[in-house]
Every structure is written in structure tokens, then in C-alpha cells.
Amino acid sequence: TKESKVGINLVSSSSPVSYRSTEAGSYNSSTKSWTTFDGGWYAASKTVVAYYMDPRNFLTEDGIYQFMKQTYDSGSQNANTVEAVIKGSFMQGKNPGGGYSSYAALINAAGRSLGVNPNVLAAMIIQEQGWSGSSLVSGTYSGYKGYYNFFNIGAYTTSTMSAVQRGLWYAQQHGWNTPYKSILGGAQFYAEDYVGNNQDSYYTKKFNVKNGLSKVATHQYMTFVAAATSEGSIVKRAYASNDNYPVVFEIPVYNNMPSTACQLP
């Protein structure tokens, strides 16, 4: 119920209309119009939220990675595994500065120093910026040239700013004027505010369910309802080449669940 409150979880405009909530504040039956959130997204229906919260739907080869613990482990995480995650992305073969010759080396160093799985950090960047990158990491956006926000921290639509502008304003306030500073600063923010706050998997950063009932549906990293499973499928690339890498999964078990897994509408 808490996660289904209008505006907490969103679906994209390309999703089926049946995925959208018809609750007040999301749909106006008189005008047959939908309310958009965060620059063109729609409130997810309770049925869709239930589907993505039900762990039984993701006990698959790809889906299970959203439950992977995100603390650092040198036995399964290094610059080579990070390179496997970012292969084909805008970061491949590029020099981020800060004394690092590659994004893989930088992201791995950031994860190691902060105690966070660097494969996770790499997948987060791709989830936030896309495989080709975005205006938040171009360094050329008008009014905020030379600023970068690789993790989209603080990037949301306001009455006076687009999500890109708000995100780059945040980067400006924190002095993220190089890719190196943005990745290190963003990784530190994530380590302290999420991994260190019982939100140490993709699932629990999306659905804050380990900090007591009063915290559910608050302090969540993103609004896209399917973000956890999407990021999990990206990070799996790091482990595809070696079945011997140790991976720890923490899969929630809820009381009073339906007898069968929740389904999409």
C-alpha cells in the first residue's frame, strides 16, 4: 500500500497503458487524461508494484542479480569485471582523468576505497545515463558546462528546472567539474546513504523494506518501478565469464504473501 501511493513508483510512457494507476492524482476519469511525473512518467498501478516487489518473479538467471549484496569483495570484483559491465557503453575506451587511464580502473578504485561493489557502481551509471551517455555526463550542457553527474543524484524535475538542470546544479554545488570527481563523489554518496543504510542491494535501494514500516516507500534511489531488475541484468555481465566468482544474494521473504507469484496486468 505504501509503495503504491501515487507518484512513489513510476512506469515509462512506452509501457502498456494498463500498467498505469487509475487512482486519483494519476487519472482523471472526467477528462480521460493522465498526470505525468518527473518529466513524462506515469504512476504505476498497485498490480504492477506488487509484481516488481514479489521476489518470486525474479528467481531467474538474470533477475536474481537485483538481490546481490553490494559490499566490496576482492575475490569477485576488479577492474576486469567492471570492464565487462561497461563494454559497449560510452565509458569504454575513454580516459576519465584523475590519474586513471580507464573508467574501469577509476570505478574499481572508488568501490574498493568505499567498500562498495564496483560492478554495481558501473551498472548504476549505465542505468542512469544509458549506453550512449546523456547531457548529465557530456560536460557541455548550456549553463553548466564542465559539470558532471554520473549517478543522477538530485536530478529531478522542479517547477523551475528540468531533471538535467537540477542534476547539473547539484553537481555544481558539489564541485563535480570532472568525471573523476563526479564518480568518486557519487559513489561516496551511495555508499553512505544506501549501502550503509540497510539498502545494500538493487532491490532494497528501490524498495526500502529493511528499515521498519515507517521507512517503507521513503529514501528510495529511483522512481522507475522496474529499476532493480533492469540494473541486475546489467551487472550480471560482470559474472558471465567466470562461474566461480562468489556472489551472495539476499532475497526477501515476506509474511502473508499470495499463494502464487503476483502477475502483471
C-alpha atoms as a PDB file:
ATOM      1  CA  THR A   1       0.000   0.000   0.000  1.00  0.00           C
ATOM      2  CA  LYS A   2       2.791   2.430   0.879  1.00  0.00           C
ATOM      3  CA  GLU A   3       4.722   1.684  -2.316  1.00  0.00           C
ATOM      4  CA  SER A   4       1.525   2.106  -4.378  1.00  0.00           C
ATOM      5  CA  LYS A   5       0.915   5.689  -3.300  1.00  0.00           C
ATOM      6  CA  VAL A   6       0.608   7.799  -6.451  1.00  0.00           C
ATOM      7  CA  GLY A   7       3.980   9.157  -7.527  1.00  0.00           C
ATOM      8  CA  ILE A   8       6.186   6.791  -5.495  1.00  0.00           C
ATOM      9  CA  ASN A   9       6.655   4.250  -8.295  1.00  0.00           C
ATOM     10  CA  LEU A  10       6.502   5.151 -11.966  1.00  0.00           C
ATOM     11  CA  VAL A  11       6.305   3.476 -15.375  1.00  0.00           C
ATOM     12  CA  SER A  12       7.563   4.884 -18.656  1.00  0.00           C
ATOM     13  CA  SER A  13       5.391   6.300 -21.405  1.00  0.00           C
ATOM     14  CA  SER A  14       6.298   3.283 -23.572  1.00  0.00           C
ATOM     15  CA  SER A  15       4.787   0.836 -21.066  1.00  0.00           C
ATOM     16  CA  PRO A  16       1.264  -0.512 -21.708  1.00  0.00           C
ATOM     17  CA  VAL A  17      -1.483   1.830 -20.530  1.00  0.00           C
ATOM     18  CA  SER A  18      -2.713  -0.999 -18.309  1.00  0.00           C
ATOM     19  CA  TYR A  19       0.417  -0.514 -16.169  1.00  0.00           C
ATOM     20  CA  ARG A  20      -0.717   2.960 -15.100  1.00  0.00           C
ATOM     21  CA  SER A  21      -2.562   3.704 -11.883  1.00  0.00           C
ATOM     22  CA  THR A  22      -6.145   4.905 -12.194  1.00  0.00           C
ATOM     23  CA  GLU A  23      -6.158   6.347  -8.663  1.00  0.00           C
ATOM     24  CA  ALA A  24      -6.995   9.998  -8.003  1.00  0.00           C
ATOM     25  CA  GLY A  25      -3.990  12.117  -8.775  1.00  0.00           C
ATOM     26  CA  SER A  26      -2.935   9.783 -11.561  1.00  0.00           C
ATOM     27  CA  TYR A  27      -6.004   9.580 -13.814  1.00  0.00           C
ATOM     28  CA  ASN A  28      -8.906  11.984 -14.330  1.00  0.00           C
ATOM     29  CA  SER A  29     -11.909   9.950 -15.473  1.00  0.00           C
ATOM     30  CA  SER A  30     -13.873  13.079 -16.399  1.00  0.00           C
ATOM     31  CA  THR A  31     -11.300  14.321 -18.898  1.00  0.00           C
ATOM     32  CA  LYS A  32      -9.790  10.881 -19.573  1.00  0.00           C
ATOM     33  CA  SER A  33      -6.346  12.348 -19.009  1.00  0.00           C
ATOM     34  CA  TRP A  34      -3.264  11.141 -17.139  1.00  0.00           C
ATOM     35  CA  THR A  35      -0.995  13.073 -14.805  1.00  0.00           C
ATOM     36  CA  THR A  36       2.698  12.886 -15.685  1.00  0.00           C
ATOM     37  CA  PHE A  37       5.521  12.803 -13.162  1.00  0.00           C
ATOM     38  CA  ASP A  38       9.213  13.648 -13.327  1.00  0.00           C
ATOM     39  CA  GLY A  39       9.175  14.771 -16.943  1.00  0.00           C
ATOM     40  CA  GLY A  40       6.864  12.306 -18.708  1.00  0.00           C
ATOM     41  CA  TRP A  41       6.448   9.241 -16.466  1.00  0.00           C
ATOM     42  CA  TYR A  42       3.191   7.783 -15.104  1.00  0.00           C
ATOM     43  CA  ALA A  43       2.208   6.425 -11.694  1.00  0.00           C
ATOM     44  CA  ALA A  44       2.426   2.625 -11.591  1.00  0.00           C
ATOM     45  CA  SER A  45      -0.682   0.640 -10.691  1.00  0.00           C
ATOM     46  CA  LYS A  46      -0.821  -1.358  -7.475  1.00  0.00           C
ATOM     47  CA  THR A  47      -0.765  -4.566  -9.532  1.00  0.00           C
ATOM     48  CA  VAL A  48       2.468  -3.547 -11.257  1.00  0.00           C
ATOM     49  CA  VAL A  49       4.081  -2.529  -7.961  1.00  0.00           C
ATOM     50  CA  ALA A  50       3.096  -5.897  -6.462  1.00  0.00           C
ATOM     51  CA  TYR A  51       4.685  -7.722  -9.401  1.00  0.00           C
ATOM     52  CA  TYR A  52       8.034  -5.955  -9.031  1.00  0.00           C
ATOM     53  CA  MET A  53       8.044  -6.288  -5.247  1.00  0.00           C
ATOM     54  CA  ASP A  54       7.363 -10.050  -5.372  1.00  0.00           C
ATOM     55  CA  PRO A  55      10.804 -11.734  -5.257  1.00  0.00           C
ATOM     56  CA  ARG A  56       9.381 -14.951  -6.712  1.00  0.00           C
ATOM     57  CA  ASN A  57       9.112 -13.271 -10.110  1.00  0.00           C
ATOM     58  CA  PHE A  58      12.865 -12.766 -10.323  1.00  0.00           C
ATOM     59  CA  LEU A  59      14.404 -16.076  -9.296  1.00  0.00           C
ATOM     60  CA  THR A  60      15.870 -16.377 -12.782  1.00  0.00           C
ATOM     61  CA  GLU A  61      19.356 -16.329 -14.276  1.00  0.00           C
ATOM     62  CA  ASP A  62      19.161 -12.554 -14.820  1.00  0.00           C
ATOM     63  CA  GLY A  63      16.553 -11.426 -12.310  1.00  0.00           C
ATOM     64  CA  ILE A  64      18.311 -12.772  -9.228  1.00  0.00           C
ATOM     65  CA  TYR A  65      21.129 -10.234  -9.521  1.00  0.00           C
ATOM     66  CA  GLN A  66      18.885  -7.495  -8.150  1.00  0.00           C
ATOM     67  CA  PHE A  67      19.241  -9.285  -4.780  1.00  0.00           C
ATOM     68  CA  MET A  68      23.051  -9.363  -4.874  1.00  0.00           C
ATOM     69  CA  LYS A  69      24.744  -7.908  -1.792  1.00  0.00           C
ATOM     70  CA  GLN A  70      26.627  -4.764  -2.729  1.00  0.00           C
ATOM     71  CA  THR A  71      29.574  -4.750  -0.345  1.00  0.00           C
ATOM     72  CA  TYR A  72      33.109  -4.957  -1.734  1.00  0.00           C
ATOM     73  CA  ASP A  73      34.732  -8.370  -2.270  1.00  0.00           C
ATOM     74  CA  SER A  74      38.128  -8.537  -3.975  1.00  0.00           C
ATOM     75  CA  GLY A  75      37.506 -12.180  -4.898  1.00  0.00           C
ATOM     76  CA  SER A  76      34.772 -11.322  -7.387  1.00  0.00           C
ATOM     77  CA  GLN A  77      35.350  -7.652  -8.181  1.00  0.00           C
ATOM     78  CA  ASN A  78      38.190  -5.974 -10.031  1.00  0.00           C
ATOM     79  CA  ALA A  79      38.881  -3.667 -12.971  1.00  0.00           C
ATOM     80  CA  ASN A  80      38.360  -6.554 -15.416  1.00  0.00           C
ATOM     81  CA  THR A  81      34.872  -7.332 -14.130  1.00  0.00           C
ATOM     82  CA  VAL A  82      33.995  -3.633 -14.262  1.00  0.00           C
ATOM     83  CA  GLU A  83      35.289  -3.540 -17.845  1.00  0.00           C
ATOM     84  CA  ALA A  84      32.882  -6.375 -18.692  1.00  0.00           C
ATOM     85  CA  VAL A  85      29.974  -4.321 -17.330  1.00  0.00           C
ATOM     86  CA  ILE A  86      30.802  -1.140 -19.263  1.00  0.00           C
ATOM     87  CA  LYS A  87      31.728  -2.860 -22.530  1.00  0.00           C
ATOM     88  CA  GLY A  88      29.781  -1.210 -25.338  1.00  0.00           C
ATOM     89  CA  SER A  89      28.923   1.859 -23.263  1.00  0.00           C
ATOM     90  CA  PHE A  90      30.034   5.475 -23.606  1.00  0.00           C
ATOM     91  CA  MET A  91      32.718   4.799 -20.969  1.00  0.00           C
ATOM     92  CA  GLN A  92      34.545   2.071 -22.873  1.00  0.00           C
ATOM     93  CA  GLY A  93      37.998   3.118 -24.050  1.00  0.00           C
ATOM     94  CA  LYS A  94      37.738   6.613 -22.550  1.00  0.00           C
ATOM     95  CA  ASN A  95      40.057   8.373 -20.104  1.00  0.00           C
ATOM     96  CA  PRO A  96      38.241   9.853 -17.078  1.00  0.00           C
ATOM     97  CA  GLY A  97      41.230  11.775 -15.717  1.00  0.00           C
ATOM     98  CA  GLY A  98      42.175  11.934 -12.054  1.00  0.00           C
ATOM     99  CA  GLY A  99      45.217   9.793 -12.724  1.00  0.00           C
ATOM    100  CA  TYR A 100      43.190   6.844 -14.068  1.00  0.00           C
ATOM    101  CA  SER A 101      43.661   5.564 -17.602  1.00  0.00           C
ATOM    102  CA  SER A 102      40.205   3.998 -17.860  1.00  0.00           C
ATOM    103  CA  TYR A 103      36.741   4.250 -16.363  1.00  0.00           C
ATOM    104  CA  ALA A 104      37.033   0.623 -15.256  1.00  0.00           C
ATOM    105  CA  ALA A 105      40.120   1.410 -13.180  1.00  0.00           C
ATOM    106  CA  LEU A 106      38.504   4.500 -11.649  1.00  0.00           C
ATOM    107  CA  ILE A 107      35.208   2.805 -10.778  1.00  0.00           C
ATOM    108  CA  ASN A 108      37.029  -0.184  -9.299  1.00  0.00           C
ATOM    109  CA  ALA A 109      39.219   2.083  -7.154  1.00  0.00           C
ATOM    110  CA  ALA A 110      36.173   4.034  -5.954  1.00  0.00           C
ATOM    111  CA  GLY A 111      34.340   0.858  -4.969  1.00  0.00           C
ATOM    112  CA  ARG A 112      37.356  -0.623  -3.215  1.00  0.00           C
ATOM    113  CA  SER A 113      38.039   2.518  -1.182  1.00  0.00           C
ATOM    114  CA  LEU A 114      34.384   2.903  -0.140  1.00  0.00           C
ATOM    115  CA  GLY A 115      33.560  -0.755   0.448  1.00  0.00           C
ATOM    116  CA  VAL A 116      31.037  -0.945  -2.408  1.00  0.00           C
ATOM    117  CA  ASN A 117      30.905  -3.482  -5.240  1.00  0.00           C
ATOM    118  CA  PRO A 118      32.340  -1.554  -8.239  1.00  0.00           C
ATOM    119  CA  ASN A 119      30.399  -3.735 -10.692  1.00  0.00           C
ATOM    120  CA  VAL A 120      27.254  -2.332  -9.096  1.00  0.00           C
ATOM    121  CA  LEU A 121      28.503   1.249  -9.448  1.00  0.00           C
ATOM    122  CA  ALA A 122      29.227   0.663 -13.142  1.00  0.00           C
ATOM    123  CA  ALA A 123      25.782  -0.808 -13.780  1.00  0.00           C
ATOM    124  CA  MET A 124      24.157   2.092 -11.935  1.00  0.00           C
ATOM    125  CA  ILE A 125      25.871   4.613 -14.196  1.00  0.00           C
ATOM    126  CA  ILE A 126      24.651   2.796 -17.311  1.00  0.00           C
ATOM    127  CA  GLN A 127      21.122   2.529 -15.894  1.00  0.00           C
ATOM    128  CA  GLU A 128      21.082   6.271 -15.170  1.00  0.00           C
ATOM    129  CA  GLN A 129      22.867   7.573 -18.288  1.00  0.00           C
ATOM    130  CA  GLY A 130      22.077   4.917 -20.890  1.00  0.00           C
ATOM    131  CA  TRP A 131      24.617   3.119 -23.043  1.00  0.00           C
ATOM    132  CA  SER A 132      25.364   6.245 -25.075  1.00  0.00           C
ATOM    133  CA  GLY A 133      25.537   8.721 -22.185  1.00  0.00           C
ATOM    134  CA  SER A 134      23.363  11.772 -21.583  1.00  0.00           C
ATOM    135  CA  SER A 135      23.553  15.528 -21.074  1.00  0.00           C
ATOM    136  CA  LEU A 136      24.345  14.894 -17.407  1.00  0.00           C
ATOM    137  CA  VAL A 137      27.741  13.444 -18.320  1.00  0.00           C
ATOM    138  CA  SER A 138      28.577  15.355 -21.504  1.00  0.00           C
ATOM    139  CA  GLY A 139      30.177  18.335 -19.779  1.00  0.00           C
ATOM    140  CA  THR A 140      28.734  20.576 -22.487  1.00  0.00           C
ATOM    141  CA  TYR A 141      25.226  21.381 -21.254  1.00  0.00           C
ATOM    142  CA  SER A 142      24.482  25.100 -21.639  1.00  0.00           C
ATOM    143  CA  GLY A 143      24.678  26.959 -18.344  1.00  0.00           C
ATOM    144  CA  TYR A 144      26.500  24.083 -16.634  1.00  0.00           C
ATOM    145  CA  LYS A 145      29.443  23.421 -18.951  1.00  0.00           C
ATOM    146  CA  GLY A 146      32.191  21.439 -17.301  1.00  0.00           C
ATOM    147  CA  TYR A 147      29.951  19.742 -14.718  1.00  0.00           C
ATOM    148  CA  TYR A 148      29.061  16.060 -14.475  1.00  0.00           C
ATOM    149  CA  ASN A 149      26.565  13.937 -12.534  1.00  0.00           C
ATOM    150  CA  PHE A 150      27.183  10.270 -13.364  1.00  0.00           C
ATOM    151  CA  PHE A 151      24.728   8.877 -10.810  1.00  0.00           C
ATOM    152  CA  ASN A 152      21.881  11.378 -11.452  1.00  0.00           C
ATOM    153  CA  ILE A 153      21.941  12.403  -7.797  1.00  0.00           C
ATOM    154  CA  GLY A 154      19.481  15.243  -7.207  1.00  0.00           C
ATOM    155  CA  ALA A 155      18.304  15.024 -10.823  1.00  0.00           C
ATOM    156  CA  TYR A 156      14.553  15.517 -10.700  1.00  0.00           C
ATOM    157  CA  THR A 157      12.074  17.923 -12.259  1.00  0.00           C
ATOM    158  CA  THR A 158      11.044  21.006 -10.278  1.00  0.00           C
ATOM    159  CA  SER A 159       8.819  23.986 -11.090  1.00  0.00           C
ATOM    160  CA  THR A 160      11.840  25.916 -12.364  1.00  0.00           C
ATOM    161  CA  MET A 161      14.299  23.234 -13.502  1.00  0.00           C
ATOM    162  CA  SER A 162      14.311  20.165 -15.722  1.00  0.00           C
ATOM    163  CA  ALA A 163      15.788  16.969 -14.278  1.00  0.00           C
ATOM    164  CA  VAL A 164      19.013  17.591 -16.225  1.00  0.00           C
ATOM    165  CA  GLN A 165      19.326  21.156 -14.971  1.00  0.00           C
ATOM    166  CA  ARG A 166      18.605  20.134 -11.376  1.00  0.00           C
ATOM    167  CA  GLY A 167      21.165  17.335 -11.580  1.00  0.00           C
ATOM    168  CA  LEU A 168      23.867  19.571 -13.005  1.00  0.00           C
ATOM    169  CA  TRP A 169      23.065  22.288 -10.479  1.00  0.00           C
ATOM    170  CA  TYR A 170      23.628  19.655  -7.788  1.00  0.00           C
ATOM    171  CA  ALA A 171      26.934  18.732  -9.424  1.00  0.00           C
ATOM    172  CA  GLN A 172      27.946  22.401  -9.500  1.00  0.00           C
ATOM    173  CA  GLN A 173      27.170  22.788  -5.799  1.00  0.00           C
ATOM    174  CA  HIS A 174      29.416  19.816  -5.027  1.00  0.00           C
ATOM    175  CA  GLY A 175      32.278  20.814  -7.312  1.00  0.00           C
ATOM    176  CA  TRP A 176      31.922  17.858  -9.660  1.00  0.00           C
ATOM    177  CA  ASN A 177      33.758  19.516 -12.544  1.00  0.00           C
ATOM    178  CA  THR A 178      35.485  16.342 -13.808  1.00  0.00           C
ATOM    179  CA  PRO A 179      34.247  12.782 -14.424  1.00  0.00           C
ATOM    180  CA  TYR A 180      36.670  11.674 -11.695  1.00  0.00           C
ATOM    181  CA  LYS A 181      35.147  13.960  -9.052  1.00  0.00           C
ATOM    182  CA  SER A 182      31.594  13.071 -10.071  1.00  0.00           C
ATOM    183  CA  ILE A 183      32.138   9.312  -9.908  1.00  0.00           C
ATOM    184  CA  LEU A 184      34.042   9.458  -6.635  1.00  0.00           C
ATOM    185  CA  GLY A 185      31.536  11.868  -5.047  1.00  0.00           C
ATOM    186  CA  GLY A 186      28.533   9.930  -6.305  1.00  0.00           C
ATOM    187  CA  ALA A 187      29.970   6.621  -5.139  1.00  0.00           C
ATOM    188  CA  GLN A 188      30.618   8.080  -1.687  1.00  0.00           C
ATOM    189  CA  PHE A 189      27.042   9.372  -1.509  1.00  0.00           C
ATOM    190  CA  TYR A 190      25.726   5.933  -2.447  1.00  0.00           C
ATOM    191  CA  ALA A 191      27.999   4.108  -0.006  1.00  0.00           C
ATOM    192  CA  GLU A 192      26.988   6.259   2.937  1.00  0.00           C
ATOM    193  CA  ASP A 193      23.309   6.877   2.200  1.00  0.00           C
ATOM    194  CA  TYR A 194      22.299   3.479   0.792  1.00  0.00           C
ATOM    195  CA  VAL A 195      24.753   0.610   1.267  1.00  0.00           C
ATOM    196  CA  GLY A 196      25.381   1.845   4.804  1.00  0.00           C
ATOM    197  CA  ASN A 197      21.647   2.231   5.430  1.00  0.00           C
ATOM    198  CA  ASN A 198      20.405  -1.361   5.048  1.00  0.00           C
ATOM    199  CA  GLN A 199      19.763  -0.668   1.362  1.00  0.00           C
ATOM    200  CA  ASP A 200      22.594  -2.844   0.159  1.00  0.00           C
ATOM    201  CA  SER A 201      21.045  -4.476  -2.910  1.00  0.00           C
ATOM    202  CA  TYR A 202      19.343  -3.121  -6.017  1.00  0.00           C
ATOM    203  CA  TYR A 203      16.074  -4.394  -4.575  1.00  0.00           C
ATOM    204  CA  THR A 204      16.374  -2.625  -1.224  1.00  0.00           C
ATOM    205  CA  LYS A 205      17.578   0.668  -2.692  1.00  0.00           C
ATOM    206  CA  LYS A 206      14.435   0.557  -4.859  1.00  0.00           C
ATOM    207  CA  PHE A 207      12.120  -0.759  -2.129  1.00  0.00           C
ATOM    208  CA  ASN A 208      13.223   0.388   1.341  1.00  0.00           C
ATOM    209  CA  VAL A 209      11.878  -2.576   3.320  1.00  0.00           C
ATOM    210  CA  LYS A 210      14.644  -3.308   5.873  1.00  0.00           C
ATOM    211  CA  ASN A 211      14.393  -0.159   7.996  1.00  0.00           C
ATOM    212  CA  GLY A 212      10.993  -0.568   9.612  1.00  0.00           C
ATOM    213  CA  LEU A 213       7.461   0.052   8.353  1.00  0.00           C
ATOM    214  CA  SER A 214       7.659   3.820   8.820  1.00  0.00           C
ATOM    215  CA  LYS A 215      10.540   3.980   6.307  1.00  0.00           C
ATOM    216  CA  VAL A 216       8.889   1.941   3.550  1.00  0.00           C
ATOM    217  CA  ALA A 217       8.438   3.969   0.343  1.00  0.00           C
ATOM    218  CA  THR A 218      10.818   6.688   1.621  1.00  0.00           C
ATOM    219  CA  HIS A 219      14.512   7.290   0.869  1.00  0.00           C
ATOM    220  CA  GLN A 220      14.453   5.286  -2.354  1.00  0.00           C
ATOM    221  CA  TYR A 221      17.093   5.836  -5.014  1.00  0.00           C
ATOM    222  CA  MET A 222      14.837   5.949  -8.057  1.00  0.00           C
ATOM    223  CA  THR A 223      11.164   6.052  -9.008  1.00  0.00           C
ATOM    224  CA  PHE A 224      11.205   3.669 -12.021  1.00  0.00           C
ATOM    225  CA  VAL A 225       9.383   0.623 -10.697  1.00  0.00           C
ATOM    226  CA  ALA A 226      11.473  -1.845 -12.739  1.00  0.00           C
ATOM    227  CA  ALA A 227      14.850  -0.251 -11.991  1.00  0.00           C
ATOM    228  CA  ALA A 228      16.116  -3.036  -9.721  1.00  0.00           C
ATOM    229  CA  THR A 229      15.598  -5.829 -12.209  1.00  0.00           C
ATOM    230  CA  SER A 230      16.978  -3.671 -15.031  1.00  0.00           C
ATOM    231  CA  GLU A 231      20.197  -2.897 -13.159  1.00  0.00           C
ATOM    232  CA  GLY A 232      20.552  -6.523 -12.093  1.00  0.00           C
ATOM    233  CA  SER A 233      20.559  -7.687 -15.705  1.00  0.00           C
ATOM    234  CA  ILE A 234      23.326  -5.182 -16.500  1.00  0.00           C
ATOM    235  CA  VAL A 235      25.601  -6.158 -13.608  1.00  0.00           C
ATOM    236  CA  LYS A 236      25.268  -9.862 -14.477  1.00  0.00           C
ATOM    237  CA  ARG A 237      27.658  -9.159 -17.359  1.00  0.00           C
ATOM    238  CA  ALA A 238      30.498  -8.927 -14.817  1.00  0.00           C
ATOM    239  CA  TYR A 239      29.974 -12.523 -13.724  1.00  0.00           C
ATOM    240  CA  ALA A 240      29.086 -14.169 -17.035  1.00  0.00           C
ATOM    241  CA  SER A 241      32.690 -15.043 -17.904  1.00  0.00           C
ATOM    242  CA  ASN A 242      33.508 -16.875 -14.663  1.00  0.00           C
ATOM    243  CA  ASP A 243      31.046 -19.150 -12.880  1.00  0.00           C
ATOM    244  CA  ASN A 244      33.451 -19.455  -9.947  1.00  0.00           C
ATOM    245  CA  TYR A 245      33.095 -15.853  -8.772  1.00  0.00           C
ATOM    246  CA  PRO A 246      31.463 -15.879  -5.319  1.00  0.00           C
ATOM    247  CA  VAL A 247      28.189 -13.966  -5.221  1.00  0.00           C
ATOM    248  CA  VAL A 248      25.948 -13.508  -2.177  1.00  0.00           C
ATOM    249  CA  PHE A 249      22.221 -12.945  -2.714  1.00  0.00           C
ATOM    250  CA  GLU A 250      19.840 -11.661  -0.043  1.00  0.00           C
ATOM    251  CA  ILE A 251      16.283 -12.498  -1.101  1.00  0.00           C
ATOM    252  CA  PRO A 252      13.403 -11.062   0.962  1.00  0.00           C
ATOM    253  CA  VAL A 253      10.768 -13.416   2.342  1.00  0.00           C
ATOM    254  CA  TYR A 254       7.524 -11.679   3.283  1.00  0.00           C
ATOM    255  CA  ASN A 255       4.744 -12.804   5.605  1.00  0.00           C
ATOM    256  CA  ASN A 256       1.203 -13.324   4.298  1.00  0.00           C
ATOM    257  CA  MET A 257       2.129 -13.487   0.615  1.00  0.00           C
ATOM    258  CA  PRO A 258      -0.375 -14.704  -2.008  1.00  0.00           C
ATOM    259  CA  SER A 259      -0.024 -18.427  -2.711  1.00  0.00           C
ATOM    260  CA  THR A 260       1.204 -17.721  -6.260  1.00  0.00           C
ATOM    261  CA  ALA A 261       3.517 -15.015  -7.584  1.00  0.00           C
ATOM    262  CA  CYS A 262       1.904 -11.659  -8.424  1.00  0.00           C
ATOM    263  CA  GLN A 263       1.440 -11.088 -12.151  1.00  0.00           C
ATOM    264  CA  LEU A 264       1.476  -8.090 -14.475  1.00  0.00           C
ATOM    265  CA  PRO A 265      -1.918  -6.830 -15.732  1.00  0.00           C
END
